């Protein structure tokens, strides 16, 4: 594997299409392994459940929400797949790499999908008045953490693409390319009002462009895409007063916040071979907020 470019242009046939043309099998993740960060609740948990429904063995990462341990046991029992939860700090590059390698080895020695979903909101209003320490925490979690997760997963996919084997030296079955999916935000496309959150918006815009850039770098061994949710009814926005949420709904054509399970389809599409010709793509799921 010498890279996707030669003499400044892309090599022909850097990828191959799936052999099956039937659509439902393309959505299957049976026998594959997925890691989902920020999966203790909300979007990450819904995505993990969706992957398990599609047949994947799923690793749940959480930071402080130990309920993830119970959720993992429930997923394992309900869907008949392997599922475990681990506490991982995505702002620690070394910890991320160690966790990915150890858990992939435990889960059949292969990695097929990584969803970088960990994120925190900006909660201190105007950028000038907010604490620099809070800015650093938001960027470290939302952008830096995504980069660290991508690097760790990408190393595995590069090797799997080159050698065609799992960590145990066995030939990979039902494997084409790795799939990295990051949770971005419509805030990476627009400036939210009435709340002020410049740092969060910048971090999410960074996530989108990071993934577009990696999509080109990794085209021979992994696809890289993002999902940009709008306002979702999850714990991350519990601090927002009802008056502000009412203003949000005034600006959403669908007139409501989304539910976490409404994102399952977008993430499954990008994780699976159903999106085999999609890389560097961002799917906005926002009830139409960015349209008017």
C-alpha atoms as a PDB file:
ATOM      1  CA  UNK A   1       0.000   0.000   0.000  1.00  0.00           C
ATOM      2  CA  UNK A   2       1.832   3.053  -1.299  1.00  0.00           C
ATOM      3  CA  UNK A   3      -0.793   5.757  -0.890  1.00  0.00           C
ATOM      4  CA  UNK A   4      -3.773   6.884  -2.963  1.00  0.00           C
ATOM      5  CA  UNK A   5      -1.868   9.457  -5.043  1.00  0.00           C
ATOM      6  CA  UNK A   6       0.702   9.099  -7.813  1.00  0.00           C
ATOM      7  CA  UNK A   7       2.299  12.086  -9.531  1.00  0.00           C
ATOM      8  CA  UNK A   8      -0.260  14.402  -7.966  1.00  0.00           C
ATOM      9  CA  UNK A   9      -3.380  12.554  -9.177  1.00  0.00           C
ATOM     10  CA  UNK A  10      -5.425   9.759  -7.657  1.00  0.00           C
ATOM     11  CA  UNK A  11      -4.621   6.233  -8.660  1.00  0.00           C
ATOM     12  CA  UNK A  12      -7.401   4.410 -10.459  1.00  0.00           C
ATOM     13  CA  UNK A  13      -9.322   1.723  -8.569  1.00  0.00           C
ATOM     14  CA  UNK A  14      -8.246   2.786  -5.092  1.00  0.00           C
ATOM     15  CA  UNK A  15     -11.338   0.944  -3.833  1.00  0.00           C
ATOM     16  CA  UNK A  16     -13.657  -1.834  -4.983  1.00  0.00           C
ATOM     17  CA  UNK A  17     -17.440  -2.078  -4.806  1.00  0.00           C
ATOM     18  CA  UNK A  18     -19.209  -4.655  -2.606  1.00  0.00           C
ATOM     19  CA  UNK A  19     -19.950  -7.933  -4.369  1.00  0.00           C
ATOM     20  CA  UNK A  20     -23.599  -8.031  -3.350  1.00  0.00           C
ATOM     21  CA  UNK A  21     -26.114  -5.753  -5.008  1.00  0.00           C
ATOM     22  CA  UNK A  22     -29.013  -6.520  -2.647  1.00  0.00           C
ATOM     23  CA  UNK A  23     -29.596  -3.626  -0.279  1.00  0.00           C
ATOM     24  CA  UNK A  24     -30.532  -5.243   3.036  1.00  0.00           C
ATOM     25  CA  UNK A  25     -27.388  -7.409   3.270  1.00  0.00           C
ATOM     26  CA  UNK A  26     -25.334  -4.248   2.737  1.00  0.00           C
ATOM     27  CA  UNK A  27     -26.708  -2.845   6.005  1.00  0.00           C
ATOM     28  CA  UNK A  28     -25.707  -5.928   7.988  1.00  0.00           C
ATOM     29  CA  UNK A  29     -22.893  -5.692  10.541  1.00  0.00           C
ATOM     30  CA  UNK A  30     -23.068  -9.352  11.504  1.00  0.00           C
ATOM     31  CA  UNK A  31     -19.770 -10.627  12.873  1.00  0.00           C
ATOM     32  CA  UNK A  32     -18.182  -7.177  12.776  1.00  0.00           C
ATOM     33  CA  UNK A  33     -16.754  -5.193  15.688  1.00  0.00           C
ATOM     34  CA  UNK A  34     -17.643  -1.590  16.462  1.00  0.00           C
ATOM     35  CA  UNK A  35     -16.416   0.831  19.107  1.00  0.00           C
ATOM     36  CA  UNK A  36     -18.678   3.722  20.106  1.00  0.00           C
ATOM     37  CA  UNK A  37     -17.345   6.470  22.383  1.00  0.00           C
ATOM     38  CA  UNK A  38     -19.637   8.516  24.585  1.00  0.00           C
ATOM     39  CA  UNK A  39     -22.014   5.565  24.656  1.00  0.00           C
ATOM     40  CA  UNK A  40     -23.250   5.672  28.241  1.00  0.00           C
ATOM     41  CA  UNK A  41     -26.452   7.444  27.213  1.00  0.00           C
ATOM     42  CA  UNK A  42     -27.996   9.624  24.526  1.00  0.00           C
ATOM     43  CA  UNK A  43     -26.823   9.448  20.928  1.00  0.00           C
ATOM     44  CA  UNK A  44     -23.916   7.079  21.565  1.00  0.00           C
ATOM     45  CA  UNK A  45     -26.092   4.535  23.361  1.00  0.00           C
ATOM     46  CA  UNK A  46     -28.723   4.659  20.613  1.00  0.00           C
ATOM     47  CA  UNK A  47     -26.041   4.129  17.968  1.00  0.00           C
ATOM     48  CA  UNK A  48     -24.584   1.193  19.881  1.00  0.00           C
ATOM     49  CA  UNK A  49     -28.041  -0.369  20.140  1.00  0.00           C
ATOM     50  CA  UNK A  50     -28.579   0.143  16.422  1.00  0.00           C
ATOM     51  CA  UNK A  51     -25.294  -1.548  15.555  1.00  0.00           C
ATOM     52  CA  UNK A  52     -26.141  -4.472  17.835  1.00  0.00           C
ATOM     53  CA  UNK A  53     -29.518  -4.801  16.099  1.00  0.00           C
ATOM     54  CA  UNK A  54     -27.587  -5.056  12.826  1.00  0.00           C
ATOM     55  CA  UNK A  55     -25.461  -7.884  14.267  1.00  0.00           C
ATOM     56  CA  UNK A  56     -22.277  -6.124  15.413  1.00  0.00           C
ATOM     57  CA  UNK A  57     -20.296  -6.872  18.527  1.00  0.00           C
ATOM     58  CA  UNK A  58     -20.079  -3.508  20.254  1.00  0.00           C
ATOM     59  CA  UNK A  59     -17.632  -1.837  22.628  1.00  0.00           C
ATOM     60  CA  UNK A  60     -19.139   1.008  24.658  1.00  0.00           C
ATOM     61  CA  UNK A  61     -16.886   3.791  25.925  1.00  0.00           C
ATOM     62  CA  UNK A  62     -17.938   6.061  28.754  1.00  0.00           C
ATOM     63  CA  UNK A  63     -16.239   8.779  30.775  1.00  0.00           C
ATOM     64  CA  UNK A  64     -18.154   8.993  34.063  1.00  0.00           C
ATOM     65  CA  UNK A  65     -21.566   7.410  33.445  1.00  0.00           C
ATOM     66  CA  UNK A  66     -21.151   3.957  34.978  1.00  0.00           C
ATOM     67  CA  UNK A  67     -24.685   3.058  33.872  1.00  0.00           C
ATOM     68  CA  UNK A  68     -22.947   2.132  30.617  1.00  0.00           C
ATOM     69  CA  UNK A  69     -21.962  -1.145  32.289  1.00  0.00           C
ATOM     70  CA  UNK A  70     -25.633  -2.063  32.754  1.00  0.00           C
ATOM     71  CA  UNK A  71     -26.525  -0.856  29.255  1.00  0.00           C
ATOM     72  CA  UNK A  72     -23.837  -3.100  27.775  1.00  0.00           C
ATOM     73  CA  UNK A  73     -25.214  -6.124  29.615  1.00  0.00           C
ATOM     74  CA  UNK A  74     -28.712  -5.291  28.363  1.00  0.00           C
ATOM     75  CA  UNK A  75     -27.523  -4.988  24.761  1.00  0.00           C
ATOM     76  CA  UNK A  76     -25.698  -8.312  24.991  1.00  0.00           C
ATOM     77  CA  UNK A  77     -28.782 -10.063  26.363  1.00  0.00           C
ATOM     78  CA  UNK A  78     -31.284  -8.426  24.013  1.00  0.00           C
ATOM     79  CA  UNK A  79     -29.437  -8.804  20.721  1.00  0.00           C
ATOM     80  CA  UNK A  80     -27.266 -11.862  21.324  1.00  0.00           C
ATOM     81  CA  UNK A  81     -23.995 -10.105  20.496  1.00  0.00           C
ATOM     82  CA  UNK A  82     -20.873  -9.452  22.510  1.00  0.00           C
ATOM     83  CA  UNK A  83     -21.028  -6.076  24.244  1.00  0.00           C
ATOM     84  CA  UNK A  84     -18.890  -4.588  27.002  1.00  0.00           C
ATOM     85  CA  UNK A  85     -18.383  -1.113  28.437  1.00  0.00           C
ATOM     86  CA  UNK A  86     -15.039   0.476  29.323  1.00  0.00           C
ATOM     87  CA  UNK A  87     -14.095   3.772  30.945  1.00  0.00           C
ATOM     88  CA  UNK A  88     -11.836   5.671  28.542  1.00  0.00           C
ATOM     89  CA  UNK A  89     -10.635   9.275  28.583  1.00  0.00           C
ATOM     90  CA  UNK A  90     -10.700  10.382  24.937  1.00  0.00           C
ATOM     91  CA  UNK A  91      -8.581  13.449  25.736  1.00  0.00           C
ATOM     92  CA  UNK A  92      -5.617  11.164  26.525  1.00  0.00           C
ATOM     93  CA  UNK A  93      -3.975  10.020  23.289  1.00  0.00           C
ATOM     94  CA  UNK A  94      -2.011   7.201  24.914  1.00  0.00           C
ATOM     95  CA  UNK A  95      -5.066   5.925  26.804  1.00  0.00           C
ATOM     96  CA  UNK A  96      -7.134   5.905  23.620  1.00  0.00           C
ATOM     97  CA  UNK A  97      -4.545   3.937  21.668  1.00  0.00           C
ATOM     98  CA  UNK A  98      -4.095   1.442  24.496  1.00  0.00           C
ATOM     99  CA  UNK A  99      -7.850   0.943  24.877  1.00  0.00           C
ATOM    100  CA  UNK A 100      -8.446   0.458  21.161  1.00  0.00           C
ATOM    101  CA  UNK A 101      -5.724  -2.141  20.772  1.00  0.00           C
ATOM    102  CA  UNK A 102      -6.596  -4.092  23.913  1.00  0.00           C
ATOM    103  CA  UNK A 103     -10.323  -4.144  23.196  1.00  0.00           C
ATOM    104  CA  UNK A 104      -9.936  -5.042  19.535  1.00  0.00           C
ATOM    105  CA  UNK A 105      -7.765  -7.962  20.593  1.00  0.00           C
ATOM    106  CA  UNK A 106     -10.498  -9.047  23.017  1.00  0.00           C
ATOM    107  CA  UNK A 107     -13.249  -8.640  20.421  1.00  0.00           C
ATOM    108  CA  UNK A 108     -12.212 -11.191  17.773  1.00  0.00           C
ATOM    109  CA  UNK A 109      -8.997  -9.321  16.935  1.00  0.00           C
ATOM    110  CA  UNK A 110     -10.669  -7.098  14.343  1.00  0.00           C
ATOM    111  CA  UNK A 111     -12.051  -3.578  14.055  1.00  0.00           C
ATOM    112  CA  UNK A 112     -14.671  -2.633  11.473  1.00  0.00           C
ATOM    113  CA  UNK A 113     -16.323   0.540  12.769  1.00  0.00           C
ATOM    114  CA  UNK A 114     -15.386   3.348  15.124  1.00  0.00           C
ATOM    115  CA  UNK A 115     -17.882   6.038  16.099  1.00  0.00           C
ATOM    116  CA  UNK A 116     -16.263   9.061  17.748  1.00  0.00           C
ATOM    117  CA  UNK A 117     -19.254  10.415  19.618  1.00  0.00           C
ATOM    118  CA  UNK A 118     -17.780  11.820  22.843  1.00  0.00           C
ATOM    119  CA  UNK A 119     -18.526  15.498  23.244  1.00  0.00           C
ATOM    120  CA  UNK A 120     -19.378  18.209  25.740  1.00  0.00           C
ATOM    121  CA  UNK A 121     -21.198  21.542  25.266  1.00  0.00           C
ATOM    122  CA  UNK A 122     -19.980  25.070  25.837  1.00  0.00           C
ATOM    123  CA  UNK A 123     -21.952  26.394  28.812  1.00  0.00           C
ATOM    124  CA  UNK A 124     -20.373  29.776  29.626  1.00  0.00           C
ATOM    125  CA  UNK A 125     -22.023  32.169  27.167  1.00  0.00           C
ATOM    126  CA  UNK A 126     -19.988  34.867  25.385  1.00  0.00           C
ATOM    127  CA  UNK A 127     -16.495  33.752  24.369  1.00  0.00           C
ATOM    128  CA  UNK A 128     -14.908  36.831  25.940  1.00  0.00           C
ATOM    129  CA  UNK A 129     -16.474  36.112  29.332  1.00  0.00           C
ATOM    130  CA  UNK A 130     -15.916  32.342  29.377  1.00  0.00           C
ATOM    131  CA  UNK A 131     -12.965  30.656  31.046  1.00  0.00           C
ATOM    132  CA  UNK A 132     -10.036  29.614  28.900  1.00  0.00           C
ATOM    133  CA  UNK A 133      -9.948  26.353  30.853  1.00  0.00           C
ATOM    134  CA  UNK A 134     -13.504  25.620  29.716  1.00  0.00           C
ATOM    135  CA  UNK A 135     -12.571  26.387  26.110  1.00  0.00           C
ATOM    136  CA  UNK A 136      -9.670  23.963  26.331  1.00  0.00           C
ATOM    137  CA  UNK A 137     -11.881  21.245  27.796  1.00  0.00           C
ATOM    138  CA  UNK A 138     -14.472  21.621  25.025  1.00  0.00           C
ATOM    139  CA  UNK A 139     -11.876  21.528  22.254  1.00  0.00           C
ATOM    140  CA  UNK A 140      -9.894  18.743  23.929  1.00  0.00           C
ATOM    141  CA  UNK A 141     -12.978  16.539  24.143  1.00  0.00           C
ATOM    142  CA  UNK A 142     -14.848  17.403  20.959  1.00  0.00           C
ATOM    143  CA  UNK A 143     -12.012  17.905  18.465  1.00  0.00           C
ATOM    144  CA  UNK A 144      -8.784  16.536  19.943  1.00  0.00           C
ATOM    145  CA  UNK A 145     -10.569  13.422  21.199  1.00  0.00           C
ATOM    146  CA  UNK A 146     -11.929  12.749  17.726  1.00  0.00           C
ATOM    147  CA  UNK A 147      -8.423  13.075  16.284  1.00  0.00           C
ATOM    148  CA  UNK A 148      -6.945  10.667  18.845  1.00  0.00           C
ATOM    149  CA  UNK A 149      -9.691   8.096  18.206  1.00  0.00           C
ATOM    150  CA  UNK A 150      -9.186   8.405  14.461  1.00  0.00           C
ATOM    151  CA  UNK A 151      -5.416   7.864  14.723  1.00  0.00           C
ATOM    152  CA  UNK A 152      -5.798   4.753  16.858  1.00  0.00           C
ATOM    153  CA  UNK A 153      -8.466   3.209  14.653  1.00  0.00           C
ATOM    154  CA  UNK A 154      -6.697   4.246  11.459  1.00  0.00           C
ATOM    155  CA  UNK A 155      -3.515   2.405  12.403  1.00  0.00           C
ATOM    156  CA  UNK A 156      -5.496  -0.809  12.732  1.00  0.00           C
ATOM    157  CA  UNK A 157      -7.368  -0.311   9.454  1.00  0.00           C
ATOM    158  CA  UNK A 158      -4.180   0.472   7.580  1.00  0.00           C
ATOM    159  CA  UNK A 159      -2.676  -2.804   8.751  1.00  0.00           C
ATOM    160  CA  UNK A 160      -5.876  -4.770   8.112  1.00  0.00           C
ATOM    161  CA  UNK A 161      -6.077  -3.303   4.608  1.00  0.00           C
ATOM    162  CA  UNK A 162      -2.462  -4.153   3.844  1.00  0.00           C
ATOM    163  CA  UNK A 163      -2.320  -7.623   5.378  1.00  0.00           C
ATOM    164  CA  UNK A 164      -5.950  -8.769   5.190  1.00  0.00           C
ATOM    165  CA  UNK A 165      -5.702 -10.418   8.601  1.00  0.00           C
ATOM    166  CA  UNK A 166      -6.905  -9.823  12.133  1.00  0.00           C
ATOM    167  CA  UNK A 167      -4.597  -9.359  15.130  1.00  0.00           C
ATOM    168  CA  UNK A 168      -4.297 -13.125  15.446  1.00  0.00           C
ATOM    169  CA  UNK A 169      -3.079 -13.567  11.887  1.00  0.00           C
ATOM    170  CA  UNK A 170      -6.364 -15.062  10.668  1.00  0.00           C
ATOM    171  CA  UNK A 171      -7.792 -14.018   7.327  1.00  0.00           C
ATOM    172  CA  UNK A 172     -10.497 -11.378   7.712  1.00  0.00           C
ATOM    173  CA  UNK A 173     -13.898 -12.610   6.578  1.00  0.00           C
ATOM    174  CA  UNK A 174     -16.697 -10.291   5.435  1.00  0.00           C
ATOM    175  CA  UNK A 175     -14.369  -7.300   5.505  1.00  0.00           C
ATOM    176  CA  UNK A 176     -13.841  -4.530   2.999  1.00  0.00           C
ATOM    177  CA  UNK A 177     -12.707  -1.303   4.652  1.00  0.00           C
ATOM    178  CA  UNK A 178     -12.789   0.353   8.031  1.00  0.00           C
ATOM    179  CA  UNK A 179     -15.505   2.916   8.711  1.00  0.00           C
ATOM    180  CA  UNK A 180     -14.888   5.931  10.927  1.00  0.00           C
ATOM    181  CA  UNK A 181     -17.951   8.021  11.769  1.00  0.00           C
ATOM    182  CA  UNK A 182     -17.730  11.126  13.949  1.00  0.00           C
ATOM    183  CA  UNK A 183     -20.609  12.935  15.584  1.00  0.00           C
ATOM    184  CA  UNK A 184     -20.317  16.518  14.382  1.00  0.00           C
ATOM    185  CA  UNK A 185     -23.209  18.969  14.668  1.00  0.00           C
ATOM    186  CA  UNK A 186     -25.319  21.363  12.648  1.00  0.00           C
ATOM    187  CA  UNK A 187     -23.368  23.876  14.780  1.00  0.00           C
ATOM    188  CA  UNK A 188     -20.428  23.120  12.497  1.00  0.00           C
ATOM    189  CA  UNK A 189     -22.467  24.654   9.679  1.00  0.00           C
ATOM    190  CA  UNK A 190     -24.375  27.534  11.310  1.00  0.00           C
ATOM    191  CA  UNK A 191     -24.080  29.965  14.238  1.00  0.00           C
ATOM    192  CA  UNK A 192     -26.626  29.036  16.886  1.00  0.00           C
ATOM    193  CA  UNK A 193     -28.894  31.580  18.566  1.00  0.00           C
ATOM    194  CA  UNK A 194     -29.954  32.637  21.145  1.00  0.00           C
ATOM    195  CA  UNK A 195     -27.249  30.745  23.073  1.00  0.00           C
ATOM    196  CA  UNK A 196     -23.647  31.755  22.463  1.00  0.00           C
ATOM    197  CA  UNK A 197     -21.205  28.888  21.945  1.00  0.00           C
ATOM    198  CA  UNK A 198     -18.356  29.911  19.662  1.00  0.00           C
ATOM    199  CA  UNK A 199     -15.918  27.303  20.997  1.00  0.00           C
ATOM    200  CA  UNK A 200     -18.345  24.419  20.463  1.00  0.00           C
ATOM    201  CA  UNK A 201     -19.220  25.614  16.962  1.00  0.00           C
ATOM    202  CA  UNK A 202     -15.545  25.879  16.029  1.00  0.00           C
ATOM    203  CA  UNK A 203     -14.768  22.439  17.439  1.00  0.00           C
ATOM    204  CA  UNK A 204     -17.572  20.799  15.477  1.00  0.00           C
ATOM    205  CA  UNK A 205     -16.623  22.598  12.263  1.00  0.00           C
ATOM    206  CA  UNK A 206     -13.137  21.228  12.893  1.00  0.00           C
ATOM    207  CA  UNK A 207     -14.497  17.709  13.257  1.00  0.00           C
ATOM    208  CA  UNK A 208     -16.230  17.938   9.892  1.00  0.00           C
ATOM    209  CA  UNK A 209     -13.154  19.176   8.064  1.00  0.00           C
ATOM    210  CA  UNK A 210     -10.851  16.775   9.903  1.00  0.00           C
ATOM    211  CA  UNK A 211     -12.955  13.877   8.683  1.00  0.00           C
ATOM    212  CA  UNK A 212     -13.102  15.209   5.123  1.00  0.00           C
ATOM    213  CA  UNK A 213      -9.318  15.425   5.141  1.00  0.00           C
ATOM    214  CA  UNK A 214      -8.867  11.936   6.568  1.00  0.00           C
ATOM    215  CA  UNK A 215     -11.282  10.590   3.959  1.00  0.00           C
ATOM    216  CA  UNK A 216      -8.710  11.474   1.305  1.00  0.00           C
ATOM    217  CA  UNK A 217      -5.715  10.236   3.296  1.00  0.00           C
ATOM    218  CA  UNK A 218      -7.349   6.911   4.138  1.00  0.00           C
ATOM    219  CA  UNK A 219      -9.269   6.187   0.948  1.00  0.00           C
ATOM    220  CA  UNK A 220      -7.453   2.901   0.340  1.00  0.00           C
ATOM    221  CA  UNK A 221      -8.269   1.358   3.714  1.00  0.00           C
ATOM    222  CA  UNK A 222     -11.104   3.247   5.451  1.00  0.00           C
ATOM    223  CA  UNK A 223     -14.056   5.516   4.796  1.00  0.00           C
ATOM    224  CA  UNK A 224     -14.476   8.596   6.996  1.00  0.00           C
ATOM    225  CA  UNK A 225     -17.791  10.415   7.406  1.00  0.00           C
ATOM    226  CA  UNK A 226     -19.740  12.540   9.872  1.00  0.00           C
ATOM    227  CA  UNK A 227     -23.289  12.917  11.133  1.00  0.00           C
ATOM    228  CA  UNK A 228     -24.408  16.411  12.133  1.00  0.00           C
ATOM    229  CA  UNK A 229     -27.383  16.230  14.505  1.00  0.00           C
ATOM    230  CA  UNK A 230     -29.544  19.231  15.245  1.00  0.00           C
ATOM    231  CA  UNK A 231     -31.165  19.787  18.620  1.00  0.00           C
ATOM    232  CA  UNK A 232     -31.707  16.385  20.218  1.00  0.00           C
ATOM    233  CA  UNK A 233     -33.628  15.577  23.387  1.00  0.00           C
ATOM    234  CA  UNK A 234     -30.649  14.129  25.263  1.00  0.00           C
ATOM    235  CA  UNK A 235     -28.829  14.774  28.529  1.00  0.00           C
ATOM    236  CA  UNK A 236     -26.254  17.056  26.895  1.00  0.00           C
ATOM    237  CA  UNK A 237     -28.810  19.885  26.735  1.00  0.00           C
ATOM    238  CA  UNK A 238     -30.385  19.387  30.172  1.00  0.00           C
ATOM    239  CA  UNK A 239     -28.767  22.640  31.349  1.00  0.00           C
ATOM    240  CA  UNK A 240     -30.666  24.690  28.749  1.00  0.00           C
ATOM    241  CA  UNK A 241     -33.724  26.559  30.127  1.00  0.00           C
ATOM    242  CA  UNK A 242     -37.193  25.782  28.642  1.00  0.00           C
ATOM    243  CA  UNK A 243     -37.440  29.343  27.287  1.00  0.00           C
ATOM    244  CA  UNK A 244     -34.391  28.776  25.101  1.00  0.00           C
ATOM    245  CA  UNK A 245     -35.638  25.401  23.909  1.00  0.00           C
ATOM    246  CA  UNK A 246     -38.895  27.077  22.904  1.00  0.00           C
ATOM    247  CA  UNK A 247     -36.908  29.479  20.709  1.00  0.00           C
ATOM    248  CA  UNK A 248     -35.151  26.490  19.144  1.00  0.00           C
ATOM    249  CA  UNK A 249     -38.492  24.929  18.229  1.00  0.00           C
ATOM    250  CA  UNK A 250     -39.605  28.222  16.679  1.00  0.00           C
ATOM    251  CA  UNK A 251     -36.728  27.822  14.216  1.00  0.00           C
ATOM    252  CA  UNK A 252     -37.114  24.098  13.450  1.00  0.00           C
ATOM    253  CA  UNK A 253     -39.500  23.348  10.569  1.00  0.00           C
ATOM    254  CA  UNK A 254     -40.477  20.059  12.242  1.00  0.00           C
ATOM    255  CA  UNK A 255     -41.221  22.029  15.429  1.00  0.00           C
ATOM    256  CA  UNK A 256     -39.527  19.700  17.893  1.00  0.00           C
ATOM    257  CA  UNK A 257     -36.228  18.311  19.111  1.00  0.00           C
ATOM    258  CA  UNK A 258     -35.113  15.000  17.663  1.00  0.00           C
ATOM    259  CA  UNK A 259     -34.971  11.749  19.598  1.00  0.00           C
ATOM    260  CA  UNK A 260     -31.713   9.829  19.817  1.00  0.00           C
ATOM    261  CA  UNK A 261     -33.146   6.759  18.104  1.00  0.00           C
ATOM    262  CA  UNK A 262     -33.892   8.886  15.032  1.00  0.00           C
ATOM    263  CA  UNK A 263     -30.146   8.956  14.354  1.00  0.00           C
ATOM    264  CA  UNK A 264     -29.682   5.182  14.247  1.00  0.00           C
ATOM    265  CA  UNK A 265     -30.332   4.952  10.524  1.00  0.00           C
ATOM    266  CA  UNK A 266     -27.825   7.625   9.532  1.00  0.00           C
ATOM    267  CA  UNK A 267     -25.046   6.083  11.606  1.00  0.00           C
ATOM    268  CA  UNK A 268     -25.822   2.545  10.428  1.00  0.00           C
ATOM    269  CA  UNK A 269     -25.790   3.688   6.800  1.00  0.00           C
ATOM    270  CA  UNK A 270     -22.341   5.237   7.165  1.00  0.00           C
ATOM    271  CA  UNK A 271     -20.978   2.356   9.245  1.00  0.00           C
ATOM    272  CA  UNK A 272     -22.089  -0.333   6.819  1.00  0.00           C
ATOM    273  CA  UNK A 273     -21.351  -1.302   3.219  1.00  0.00           C
ATOM    274  CA  UNK A 274     -24.622   0.369   2.260  1.00  0.00           C
ATOM    275  CA  UNK A 275     -22.544   3.562   2.031  1.00  0.00           C
ATOM    276  CA  UNK A 276     -19.601   1.950   0.232  1.00  0.00           C
ATOM    277  CA  UNK A 277     -19.212   4.889  -2.199  1.00  0.00           C
ATOM    278  CA  UNK A 278     -19.581   7.583   0.463  1.00  0.00           C
ATOM    279  CA  UNK A 279     -16.528   9.101   2.103  1.00  0.00           C
ATOM    280  CA  UNK A 280     -15.958  12.626   3.349  1.00  0.00           C
ATOM    281  CA  UNK A 281     -19.737  12.951   3.609  1.00  0.00           C
ATOM    282  CA  UNK A 282     -21.648  14.824   6.302  1.00  0.00           C
ATOM    283  CA  UNK A 283     -25.290  13.930   6.939  1.00  0.00           C
ATOM    284  CA  UNK A 284     -27.288  16.702   8.616  1.00  0.00           C
ATOM    285  CA  UNK A 285     -30.165  15.358  10.730  1.00  0.00           C
ATOM    286  CA  UNK A 286     -31.772  18.460  12.219  1.00  0.00           C
ATOM    287  CA  UNK A 287     -35.500  18.527  11.467  1.00  0.00           C
ATOM    288  CA  UNK A 288     -34.758  21.118   8.784  1.00  0.00           C
ATOM    289  CA  UNK A 289     -33.209  23.748  11.071  1.00  0.00           C
ATOM    290  CA  UNK A 290     -30.472  24.835   8.664  1.00  0.00           C
ATOM    291  CA  UNK A 291     -32.858  25.233   5.718  1.00  0.00           C
ATOM    292  CA  UNK A 292     -34.794  28.513   6.165  1.00  0.00           C
END
